[in-house]
Protein backbone atom coordinates (compact mmCIF):
# COMPACT_ATOMS: atom_id res chain seq x y z
CA MET A 1 31.83 2.91 -21.53
CA PRO A 2 29.43 2.20 -18.60
CA ALA A 3 25.67 2.50 -19.31
CA GLY A 4 25.32 5.29 -17.14
CA ALA A 5 27.88 7.40 -19.10
CA ILE A 6 26.10 6.41 -22.24
CA LEU A 7 22.80 7.89 -20.94
CA ASP A 8 24.43 11.00 -19.72
CA ALA A 9 26.20 11.47 -23.21
CA MET A 10 22.74 10.86 -24.96
CA ALA A 11 20.99 13.29 -22.62
CA THR A 12 23.49 16.21 -22.76
CA ALA A 13 27.02 16.76 -23.85
CA SER A 14 27.70 19.24 -20.84
CA ARG A 15 26.81 19.15 -17.18
CA PRO A 16 24.33 22.12 -16.41
CA ARG A 17 23.21 22.65 -13.06
CA VAL A 18 19.74 21.21 -12.45
CA GLU A 19 17.20 24.08 -12.51
CA LEU A 20 13.34 23.84 -12.43
CA PRO A 21 12.49 25.24 -15.82
CA ALA A 22 9.37 27.30 -16.41
CA SER A 23 8.28 24.50 -18.78
CA PRO A 24 9.67 21.16 -19.74
CA ARG A 25 12.54 21.42 -22.07
CA ARG A 26 13.45 19.20 -25.02
CA THR A 27 17.15 18.05 -25.06
CA ALA A 28 18.99 18.05 -28.27
CA VAL A 29 18.89 14.25 -28.48
CA PRO A 30 15.68 12.67 -27.64
CA ALA A 31 15.73 10.85 -24.46
CA PRO A 32 15.84 7.00 -24.70
CA ALA A 33 12.68 6.70 -22.67
CA ALA A 34 12.19 3.14 -24.00
CA LEU A 35 15.59 2.02 -22.98
CA VAL A 36 15.45 3.41 -19.51
CA LEU A 37 11.83 2.20 -18.77
CA GLY A 38 12.47 -1.17 -20.45
CA ALA A 39 15.58 -1.74 -18.23
CA CYS A 40 13.78 -0.73 -15.21
CA GLY A 41 10.77 -2.90 -16.02
CA LEU A 42 12.98 -5.93 -16.44
CA LEU A 43 14.55 -5.14 -13.15
CA VAL A 44 11.01 -5.00 -11.49
CA LEU A 45 10.03 -8.41 -13.05
CA ALA A 46 13.36 -10.07 -12.08
CA LEU A 47 12.99 -8.87 -8.41
CA ARG A 48 9.44 -10.16 -8.28
CA ALA A 49 9.60 -13.40 -10.11
CA PRO A 50 10.77 -15.60 -7.10
CA TYR A 51 7.64 -14.39 -5.34
CA LEU A 52 5.10 -15.33 -8.01
CA GLN A 53 3.60 -18.20 -6.31
CA VAL A 54 4.45 -17.14 -2.59
CA GLY A 55 1.18 -17.43 -0.45
CA LEU A 56 -0.79 -14.47 0.53
CA ASN A 57 -0.07 -12.83 3.91
CA PRO A 58 -2.89 -12.02 6.37
CA ASP A 59 -3.58 -8.53 4.74
CA GLU A 60 -3.66 -9.89 1.22
CA GLY A 61 -5.42 -13.05 1.89
CA GLY A 62 -8.11 -11.35 4.23
CA VAL A 63 -8.85 -8.65 1.66
CA ALA A 64 -8.97 -11.37 -1.22
CA PHE A 65 -11.38 -13.45 0.77
CA ILE A 66 -13.67 -10.68 1.53
CA ALA A 67 -13.43 -9.35 -2.08
CA GLN A 68 -14.33 -12.82 -3.40
CA HIS A 69 -17.46 -12.99 -1.16
CA TRP A 70 -18.67 -9.38 -1.85
CA HIS A 71 -21.75 -9.67 -4.27
CA GLY A 72 -23.15 -6.32 -4.86
CA ALA A 73 -25.61 -4.74 -2.18
CA SER A 74 -26.43 -7.90 -0.29
CA GLY A 75 -25.08 -8.60 3.12
CA THR A 76 -24.97 -7.19 6.59
CA SER A 77 -21.86 -4.93 6.21
CA LEU A 78 -20.23 -2.59 3.59
CA TYR A 79 -18.81 -5.64 1.81
CA GLY A 80 -21.25 -8.49 1.99
CA ASN A 81 -21.24 -10.26 5.38
CA TYR A 82 -17.71 -9.13 6.28
CA TRP A 83 -16.60 -6.00 7.91
CA LEU A 84 -13.36 -4.26 6.76
CA ASP A 85 -11.71 -1.00 7.50
CA ARG A 86 -10.74 -0.17 3.92
CA PRO A 87 -12.14 1.93 1.03
CA PRO A 88 -14.16 0.22 -1.61
CA LEU A 89 -11.68 0.77 -4.58
CA LEU A 90 -9.05 -1.56 -2.88
CA LEU A 91 -11.93 -4.28 -2.84
CA VAL A 92 -12.67 -3.71 -6.38
CA LEU A 93 -9.02 -4.06 -7.51
CA TYR A 94 -8.81 -7.25 -5.40
CA LYS A 95 -11.97 -8.82 -6.77
CA ILE A 96 -10.66 -8.57 -10.20
CA ALA A 97 -7.20 -9.92 -9.56
CA ALA A 98 -8.38 -12.73 -7.48
CA LEU A 99 -10.04 -14.21 -10.48
CA GLY A 100 -6.56 -15.30 -11.26
CA GLY A 101 -5.72 -16.62 -7.91
CA ILE A 102 -2.39 -16.10 -6.06
CA PRO A 103 -0.77 -15.30 -9.47
CA GLY A 104 -3.30 -12.80 -10.38
CA ILE A 105 -2.93 -10.85 -7.13
CA ARG A 106 0.97 -11.07 -7.73
CA ALA A 107 0.40 -9.72 -11.05
CA LEU A 108 -1.56 -6.77 -9.70
CA GLY A 109 1.31 -5.99 -7.70
CA ALA A 110 3.86 -6.17 -10.59
CA VAL A 111 1.50 -3.92 -12.79
CA ALA A 112 1.38 -1.42 -9.88
CA SER A 113 5.26 -1.42 -9.58
CA LEU A 114 5.74 -0.85 -13.33
CA SER A 115 3.24 1.96 -13.31
CA LEU A 116 5.08 3.59 -10.48
CA VAL A 117 8.33 3.34 -12.39
CA GLY A 118 6.79 5.07 -15.20
CA ILE A 119 5.17 7.88 -13.06
CA ALA A 120 8.55 8.47 -11.31
CA TYR A 121 10.12 8.76 -14.79
CA ALA A 122 7.60 11.34 -15.97
CA ILE A 123 8.03 13.35 -12.80
CA GLY A 124 11.77 13.43 -13.00
CA ARG A 125 11.43 14.26 -16.62
CA GLN A 126 9.63 17.38 -15.83
CA LEU A 127 12.04 18.30 -12.97
CA GLY A 128 15.24 18.09 -14.95
CA GLY A 129 15.23 15.86 -18.13
CA LEU A 130 16.81 12.53 -18.49
CA ARG A 131 19.41 13.34 -15.76
CA VAL A 132 16.68 13.18 -13.15
CA ALA A 133 14.10 11.06 -14.86
CA ALA A 134 16.44 7.85 -15.38
CA PRO A 135 17.63 7.87 -11.49
CA ALA A 136 14.14 8.43 -10.41
CA ALA A 137 12.84 5.52 -12.49
CA LEU A 138 15.74 3.22 -11.39
CA ILE A 139 15.12 4.21 -7.49
CA ALA A 140 11.42 3.56 -7.78
CA ALA A 141 11.92 0.18 -9.35
CA LEU A 142 14.17 -0.78 -6.41
CA LEU A 143 11.95 0.61 -3.71
CA THR A 144 8.49 -0.67 -5.25
CA SER A 145 9.88 -4.03 -5.68
CA SER A 146 11.96 -4.33 -2.39
CA ALA A 147 11.74 -7.47 -0.31
CA ALA A 148 12.61 -5.64 2.64
CA LEU A 149 9.54 -3.44 2.36
CA ALA A 150 7.47 -6.39 1.65
CA ALA A 151 6.75 -4.69 -1.73
CA VAL A 152 7.22 -7.87 -3.65
CA GLY A 153 3.69 -8.72 -2.57
CA THR A 154 0.44 -6.64 -3.42
CA PRO A 155 -0.14 -4.31 -0.37
CA ALA A 156 -2.50 -1.62 -0.59
CA GLU A 157 0.06 0.96 -0.08
CA LEU A 158 1.61 -0.22 -3.49
CA LEU A 159 -1.85 0.34 -5.27
CA ALA A 160 -2.62 3.64 -3.68
CA SER A 161 0.72 5.11 -4.62
CA ILE A 162 -0.29 4.96 -8.37
CA PRO A 163 -3.02 7.60 -8.19
CA ALA A 164 -1.06 9.50 -5.45
CA ALA A 165 2.11 9.91 -7.64
CA GLY A 166 0.05 10.36 -10.55
CA SER A 167 -1.63 13.36 -9.05
CA ILE A 168 1.67 14.90 -8.45
CA ALA A 169 2.71 14.29 -12.05
CA CYS A 170 -0.34 16.04 -13.26
CA LEU A 171 0.35 19.15 -10.73
CA LEU A 172 3.69 19.37 -12.52
CA ARG A 173 1.99 19.44 -15.99
CA ALA A 174 -0.60 22.03 -14.55
CA ARG A 175 2.24 24.25 -13.35
CA ALA A 176 3.74 24.13 -16.84
CA ARG A 177 0.53 24.85 -18.51
CA PRO A 178 -1.39 27.19 -16.17
CA ARG A 179 -4.15 27.71 -18.70
CA SER A 180 -4.93 24.07 -18.79
CA PHE A 181 -8.12 22.83 -17.25
CA TRP A 182 -7.67 18.95 -17.54
CA TRP A 183 -4.33 18.59 -15.80
CA PRO A 184 -5.41 20.07 -12.46
CA ALA A 185 -8.83 18.39 -12.79
CA ALA A 186 -7.06 15.07 -13.41
CA ALA A 187 -4.69 15.84 -10.28
CA GLY A 188 -7.77 16.45 -8.11
CA ALA A 189 -9.49 13.23 -9.34
CA LEU A 190 -6.45 11.21 -8.71
CA ALA A 191 -5.64 12.46 -5.16
CA VAL A 192 -9.25 11.57 -3.89
CA THR A 193 -8.78 8.03 -5.81
CA ALA A 194 -5.73 7.41 -3.90
CA VAL A 195 -7.67 7.89 -0.54
CA LEU A 196 -10.26 5.44 -2.05
CA VAL A 197 -7.61 2.71 -2.23
CA LYS A 198 -6.02 3.59 1.22
CA GLN A 199 -7.30 6.27 3.42
CA SER A 200 -3.83 7.17 4.81
CA PHE A 201 -3.01 8.35 1.39
CA LEU A 202 -3.86 11.91 1.98
CA ASP A 203 -0.33 13.06 0.65
CA ALA A 204 -1.37 14.00 -2.81
CA GLY A 205 -4.36 15.95 -1.55
CA PHE A 206 -2.30 17.82 0.84
CA ALA A 207 0.30 18.64 -1.73
CA GLY A 208 -2.53 19.64 -4.22
CA ALA A 209 -3.83 22.05 -1.37
CA VAL A 210 -0.42 23.77 -1.18
CA PHE A 211 -0.25 23.85 -4.86
CA ILE A 212 -3.51 25.57 -5.33
CA VAL A 213 -3.03 28.18 -2.70
CA LEU A 214 0.42 29.13 -4.08
CA MET A 215 -0.89 29.18 -7.64
CA LEU A 216 -3.81 31.24 -6.60
CA VAL A 217 -1.46 33.83 -4.94
CA ARG A 218 0.87 33.86 -7.88
CA THR A 219 -1.71 34.26 -10.71
CA ARG A 220 -4.67 35.55 -9.13
CA SER A 221 -6.75 33.15 -11.25
CA TRP A 222 -9.34 30.71 -10.13
CA ARG A 223 -8.88 28.38 -13.14
CA VAL A 224 -6.55 25.82 -11.33
CA PRO A 225 -8.54 25.88 -8.09
CA VAL A 226 -11.90 25.32 -9.77
CA ALA A 227 -10.50 22.51 -12.11
CA TYR A 228 -8.85 20.79 -9.23
CA THR A 229 -11.98 20.87 -7.07
CA LEU A 230 -14.21 19.46 -10.00
CA GLY A 231 -11.81 16.89 -10.56
CA ALA A 232 -11.82 15.69 -6.95
CA LEU A 233 -15.54 15.62 -6.80
CA THR A 234 -15.85 13.18 -9.70
CA PRO A 235 -14.63 10.13 -7.63
CA VAL A 236 -16.85 11.47 -4.69
CA ALA A 237 -19.83 11.45 -6.83
CA ALA A 238 -19.06 7.79 -7.93
CA VAL A 239 -18.90 6.73 -4.38
CA ALA A 240 -21.96 8.50 -3.48
CA ALA A 241 -23.68 6.70 -6.50
CA TRP A 242 -22.41 3.40 -5.05
CA MET A 243 -23.70 4.13 -1.71
CA ALA A 244 -27.13 5.08 -3.12
CA LEU A 245 -27.43 1.98 -5.28
CA GLY A 246 -26.19 -0.34 -2.54
CA GLY A 247 -28.04 1.10 0.39
CA VAL A 248 -24.86 1.99 2.07
CA ARG A 249 -25.18 4.43 4.92
CA ALA A 250 -22.66 7.37 5.12
CA ALA A 251 -22.32 6.79 8.83
CA ASP A 252 -20.97 3.14 8.18
CA LEU A 253 -18.43 4.28 5.53
CA ILE A 254 -17.11 7.18 7.63
CA TYR A 255 -16.76 4.95 10.62
CA ALA A 256 -14.91 2.25 8.55
CA LEU A 257 -12.49 4.65 6.94
CA ALA A 258 -12.12 7.12 9.85
CA GLY A 259 -13.96 6.31 13.06
CA PHE A 260 -12.28 2.97 13.40
CA ARG A 261 -8.93 4.59 13.15
CA VAL A 262 -9.67 6.64 16.30
CA ASP A 263 -10.77 3.36 18.17
CA SER A 264 -7.79 1.49 16.99
CA LEU A 265 -5.44 4.25 18.07
CA HIS A 266 -7.03 4.02 21.54
CA ALA A 267 -6.73 0.34 21.61
CA LEU A 268 -3.15 0.55 20.76
CA GLN A 269 -2.52 3.12 23.34
CA ASN A 270 -3.75 0.81 26.02
CA SER A 271 -1.96 -2.13 24.65
CA HIS A 272 1.00 -3.62 26.43
CA THR A 273 3.45 -2.79 23.63
CA PRO A 274 4.71 0.81 23.96
CA LEU A 275 4.74 3.15 20.83
CA LEU A 276 8.48 3.08 20.58
CA LEU A 277 8.60 -0.83 20.44
CA ARG A 278 5.97 -0.77 17.78
CA LEU A 279 8.07 1.77 15.84
CA HIS A 280 10.99 -0.54 16.16
CA THR A 281 9.45 -2.84 13.64
CA LEU A 282 10.26 -0.29 10.84
CA GLU A 283 14.06 -0.29 11.70
CA TYR A 284 14.75 -3.38 9.57
CA PRO A 285 12.87 -2.43 6.47
CA ALA A 286 13.99 1.08 6.57
CA LEU A 287 17.71 -0.16 6.93
CA PHE A 288 17.68 -2.88 4.31
CA SER A 289 15.77 -1.08 1.76
CA GLY A 290 17.84 2.02 2.02
CA MET A 291 14.96 4.28 3.12
CA VAL A 292 16.82 5.29 6.21
CA VAL A 293 19.30 7.01 3.80
CA LEU A 294 17.15 7.82 1.03
CA GLY A 295 14.51 9.81 2.89
CA PRO A 296 16.73 12.40 4.26
CA LEU A 297 18.64 12.74 0.96
CA ALA A 298 15.31 13.21 -0.78
CA ILE A 299 14.37 16.04 1.41
CA VAL A 300 17.67 17.73 0.78
CA GLY A 301 17.21 17.15 -3.01
CA LEU A 302 13.48 18.68 -2.82
CA TRP A 303 14.76 21.44 -0.84
CA ARG A 304 17.30 22.37 -3.40
CA LEU A 305 15.15 22.52 -6.31
CA ARG A 306 15.52 25.85 -8.00
CA GLY A 307 13.45 28.16 -10.31
CA ASP A 308 9.90 27.57 -8.70
CA ALA A 309 9.09 27.90 -5.20
CA VAL A 310 5.62 26.67 -5.82
CA LEU A 311 6.85 23.09 -6.89
CA ARG A 312 9.41 23.00 -4.23
CA ALA A 313 6.72 23.70 -1.61
CA THR A 314 4.37 21.20 -3.33
CA LEU A 315 6.84 18.36 -3.56
CA LEU A 316 8.09 18.88 0.28
CA ALA A 317 4.41 18.87 1.36
CA TRP A 318 3.95 15.55 -0.60
CA PHE A 319 6.81 14.08 1.31
CA ALA A 320 5.76 15.53 4.70
CA ALA A 321 2.22 14.37 4.45
CA GLY A 322 3.31 10.81 3.23
CA THR A 323 5.58 10.57 6.36
CA VAL A 324 2.59 11.57 8.59
CA GLY A 325 0.53 8.89 6.73
CA VAL A 326 3.20 6.33 7.74
CA LEU A 327 3.61 7.33 11.20
CA ALA A 328 0.10 8.23 12.27
CA GLY A 329 -1.40 4.82 12.18
CA GLY A 330 -0.20 3.53 15.43
CA SER A 331 0.85 0.11 14.17
CA TYR A 332 3.74 -0.34 11.74
CA LEU A 333 4.29 -2.80 9.14
CA PRO A 334 7.20 -2.86 6.47
CA HIS A 335 5.03 -2.01 3.61
CA TYR A 336 3.70 1.04 5.19
CA LEU A 337 7.20 2.77 4.02
CA ILE A 338 6.09 2.32 0.51
CA GLN A 339 3.94 5.42 0.77
CA LEU A 340 7.37 7.23 0.71
CA ALA A 341 9.00 5.33 -2.23
CA VAL A 342 8.14 7.59 -5.16
CA PRO A 343 8.70 10.82 -3.22
CA SER A 344 12.09 9.36 -2.06
CA ALA A 345 12.98 8.38 -5.66
CA THR A 346 12.16 11.79 -7.01
CA GLY A 347 14.09 13.81 -4.46
CA CYS A 348 17.16 11.59 -4.45
CA ALA A 349 17.11 11.83 -8.34
CA VAL A 350 17.13 15.44 -8.16
CA LEU A 351 20.08 15.37 -5.72
CA LEU A 352 22.10 12.85 -7.81
CA ALA A 353 21.53 14.84 -10.98
CA ARG A 354 24.03 17.34 -9.47
CA ALA A 355 26.64 14.71 -9.07
CA ARG A 356 29.42 13.73 -11.42
CA PRO A 357 28.26 10.85 -13.72
CA GLN A 358 30.84 8.56 -12.25
CA ILE A 359 29.51 9.14 -8.78
CA ARG A 360 25.94 9.22 -9.75
CA TRP A 361 25.81 5.74 -11.52
CA GLY A 362 28.26 4.39 -8.92
CA VAL A 363 25.73 4.90 -6.04
CA LEU A 364 22.89 3.71 -8.22
CA GLY A 365 24.81 0.60 -9.17
CA ALA A 366 25.78 -0.10 -5.57
CA ALA A 367 21.81 0.36 -4.51
CA THR A 368 20.96 -2.10 -7.31
CA VAL A 369 23.42 -4.66 -6.21
CA LEU A 370 22.33 -4.40 -2.54
CA VAL A 371 18.55 -4.65 -3.31
CA VAL A 372 19.11 -7.73 -5.69
CA ALA A 373 21.39 -9.37 -2.91
CA ILE A 374 18.65 -8.92 -0.40
CA ALA A 375 15.96 -10.28 -2.85
CA MET A 376 18.12 -13.35 -3.69
CA GLY A 377 18.87 -13.92 0.06
CA ALA A 378 15.07 -13.62 0.71
CA ALA A 379 14.16 -15.93 -2.04
CA VAL A 380 16.69 -18.60 -0.74
CA GLY A 381 15.09 -18.29 2.64
CA LEU A 382 11.61 -18.91 1.07
CA ILE A 383 12.83 -22.27 -0.46
CA ALA A 384 14.17 -23.21 2.90
CA LYS A 385 11.09 -22.13 4.89
CA PRO A 386 7.98 -21.67 2.51
CA ALA A 387 5.91 -18.63 3.67
CA HIS A 388 2.58 -19.38 5.42
CA ALA A 389 3.17 -23.13 5.38
CA LYS A 390 1.20 -23.44 8.64
CA GLU A 391 -1.98 -21.77 7.06
CA ARG A 392 -1.96 -23.94 4.05
CA ALA A 393 -1.28 -27.05 6.29
CA ILE A 394 -4.38 -25.99 8.33
CA ALA A 395 -6.47 -25.48 5.40
CA ALA A 396 -5.39 -28.90 3.80
CA TYR A 397 -6.64 -30.66 7.10
CA LEU A 398 -9.93 -28.85 6.88
CA HIS A 399 -10.29 -29.75 3.25
CA ARG A 400 -9.91 -33.33 4.26
CA HIS A 401 -12.18 -33.23 7.04
CA ALA A 402 -14.88 -30.74 6.43
CA ARG A 403 -18.37 -31.51 5.07
CA PRO A 404 -20.53 -29.34 2.64
CA GLY A 405 -22.02 -26.40 4.59
CA ASP A 406 -19.32 -26.31 7.23
CA THR A 407 -18.04 -22.98 8.46
CA ALA A 408 -14.81 -21.94 10.12
CA TYR A 409 -13.36 -19.12 12.22
CA ALA A 410 -9.68 -18.29 13.11
CA LEU A 411 -9.61 -17.24 16.97
CA TYR A 412 -8.91 -14.61 17.30
CA ALA A 413 -7.43 -13.78 13.76
CA ARG A 414 -5.61 -15.15 10.85
CA ALA A 415 -7.18 -13.55 8.03
CA ASN A 416 -5.41 -15.26 5.30
CA LEU A 417 -6.66 -18.59 6.61
CA ALA A 418 -10.18 -17.97 5.37
CA TYR A 419 -8.67 -17.59 1.95
CA TYR A 420 -7.00 -20.97 2.17
CA ASP A 421 -9.66 -22.98 3.65
CA GLU A 422 -12.27 -21.50 1.32
CA MET A 423 -15.24 -21.90 4.03
CA PRO A 424 -17.43 -19.20 5.03
CA SER A 425 -17.30 -17.62 8.44
CA PRO A 426 -20.32 -16.60 10.44
CA PHE A 427 -18.10 -14.08 12.24
CA PRO A 428 -17.57 -10.84 10.27
CA TYR A 429 -14.24 -9.66 11.77
CA ALA A 430 -11.06 -11.30 10.47
CA TRP A 431 -8.43 -9.04 12.16
CA SER A 432 -7.39 -9.02 15.67
CA LEU A 433 -7.38 -5.21 15.79
CA MET A 434 -11.06 -5.22 15.08
CA MET A 435 -11.72 -7.43 18.22
CA ARG A 436 -9.62 -5.07 20.27
CA ALA A 437 -11.09 -1.81 19.05
CA LYS A 438 -14.47 -2.06 17.47
CA PRO A 439 -17.02 -1.73 20.34
CA GLY A 440 -19.39 -4.74 20.68
CA THR A 441 -17.20 -7.35 18.85
CA ARG A 442 -16.31 -9.35 21.93
CA ALA A 443 -20.00 -9.59 22.97
CA GLU A 444 -20.84 -10.50 19.49
CA LEU A 445 -18.31 -13.34 19.41
CA GLY A 446 -19.57 -14.75 22.69
CA ARG A 447 -23.26 -14.76 21.55
CA LEU A 448 -22.10 -16.48 18.19
CA LEU A 449 -20.29 -19.44 19.85
CA ALA A 450 -23.36 -19.90 22.26
CA SER A 451 -25.88 -19.88 19.36
CA ALA A 452 -26.96 -22.21 16.57
CA ARG A 453 -24.82 -20.33 14.16
CA ALA A 454 -21.56 -21.14 15.88
CA PRO A 455 -18.74 -22.08 13.44
CA THR A 456 -18.19 -25.77 12.70
CA TRP A 457 -14.48 -25.42 12.92
CA ILE A 458 -12.46 -23.01 15.09
CA VAL A 459 -8.65 -22.87 14.50
CA GLN A 460 -7.06 -21.48 17.71
CA TRP A 461 -4.39 -19.10 16.56
CA GLN A 462 -4.21 -17.21 19.63
CA PRO A 463 -5.25 -18.36 23.14
CA PRO A 464 -8.54 -16.88 24.41
CA SER A 465 -6.76 -14.68 26.86
CA GLN A 466 -4.72 -13.02 24.19
CA TRP A 467 -4.83 -8.99 24.45
CA SER A 468 -7.01 -9.47 27.53
CA LEU A 469 -10.14 -10.26 25.29
CA ASP A 470 -11.46 -12.91 27.70
CA PRO A 471 -10.82 -11.44 31.14
CA THR A 472 -13.61 -13.57 32.82
CA GLY A 473 -12.87 -16.74 30.99
CA ALA A 474 -16.32 -16.93 29.52
CA LEU A 475 -15.13 -17.64 25.95
CA ARG A 476 -12.72 -20.31 27.08
CA ARG A 477 -15.36 -22.08 28.82
CA THR A 478 -17.78 -21.87 25.97
CA LEU A 479 -15.00 -23.28 23.61
CA HIS A 480 -14.50 -26.30 25.91
CA THR A 481 -18.12 -26.69 26.48
CA ARG A 482 -19.43 -26.61 22.90
CA TYR A 483 -16.32 -27.93 21.03
CA ARG A 484 -13.84 -30.65 21.27
CA LYS A 485 -10.25 -30.61 20.21
CA VAL A 486 -9.76 -32.86 17.28
CA ALA A 487 -6.07 -32.09 15.98
CA ARG A 488 -3.11 -29.75 16.33
CA VAL A 489 -1.66 -28.66 12.99
CA GLY A 490 1.41 -26.33 12.92
CA GLY A 491 1.22 -26.08 16.63
CA HIS A 492 -2.41 -24.59 16.57
CA PRO A 493 -5.28 -26.46 18.12
CA ILE A 494 -8.26 -27.20 15.83
CA TRP A 495 -11.74 -27.46 17.45
CA HIS A 496 -14.86 -28.99 16.05
CA LEU A 497 -18.37 -28.33 17.11
CA ARG A 498 -19.85 -31.10 19.39
């Protein structure tokens, strides 16, 4: 008998229609949570195993480098001497993980994926027992370890999804126990925590606001709104304490998390790459991860939830706000779609629970085979062409020729190169969008290269004229005057200070 049929038989002997009960129901036979979660956990580890030693991409390497050099309140920026448009909790997580090097950062991603599988199972269990929980956990395992979504790494979206999805799970418990104080309080705290990992994760907070309004209308009680608000204020108070102890100005943090988003949208709007072409970069990951199908099916599944309009509206608001979070940034990378992984897994699981067991497990089996096949293909490709080989080759050259006290800068940007070459940079901006969007950065770079603090080494990753950042040619002239070209590694010139 197929494994899916065994799970169905253990869960229930009949095929009742999926309803949203007033409170979680106990099945006649205890659900084999350990079996389901164990199998999904093994799948997560198997999908991630080929990538354990894969080098860090620009976002991972840049964040890891800044986290390593962030030592308390000292420095000229929010995080030491380097500027980053990310919340502090992401830096804390990376600082801990980076102690283990690349395997440590990859382990953080694996723990995040395993956590999301467990949360998806918990959400599904409350929505319809094992018939929803098992598919939700399996789909979450496939999406949060998808090579097509770059989820096999450790992107911020994967880490922020944990508190966001956890907040939704707590809302479900708060609905089932309306007199509870701690479940809505935990939901509020987790919703804000998600924003402290990645600022685009406002989805749980928006869903929480919808839930609070509807519950207030239904119960006429302020217990849930007050508990949720107090919970939300807890991480806010923690950040306020960090700012006070570290001397961080509120204006600096607000600009890093929100103001820079406005500047970057303006810069992207004025770029030579139109919006539709930038959106095109999501086509491949959406197609080969299955999100192009799972997303619409999830909306149908959530819409067809029965028995409680509050939760149907809450879960749809969760999915809708997550979609806005993916699309509102202006630039689009595959791992942005991870924000919709658990909402999609939840909605699709609800829809699949209505299907016959043969159809349900046939679809899930086919999806598993597809994801495993793509993962194997990607792993074979990594053997033929190792990831980030150029950055490592350049770093190896610098290690051979650099002297103690030397500094380095990648012009205009290759953030993970700083992680590999292990040299400090006198320039605080490691991403190209910062150069294009943040006011004053171009002039600051020009002054730096002409000063006594100029970096010892410059790796020319892009030409000075890229993105019209050197319209007058002043930076190019400074480069040729103060530096000499000493090598070309991986097609990129390396300059040394004269």
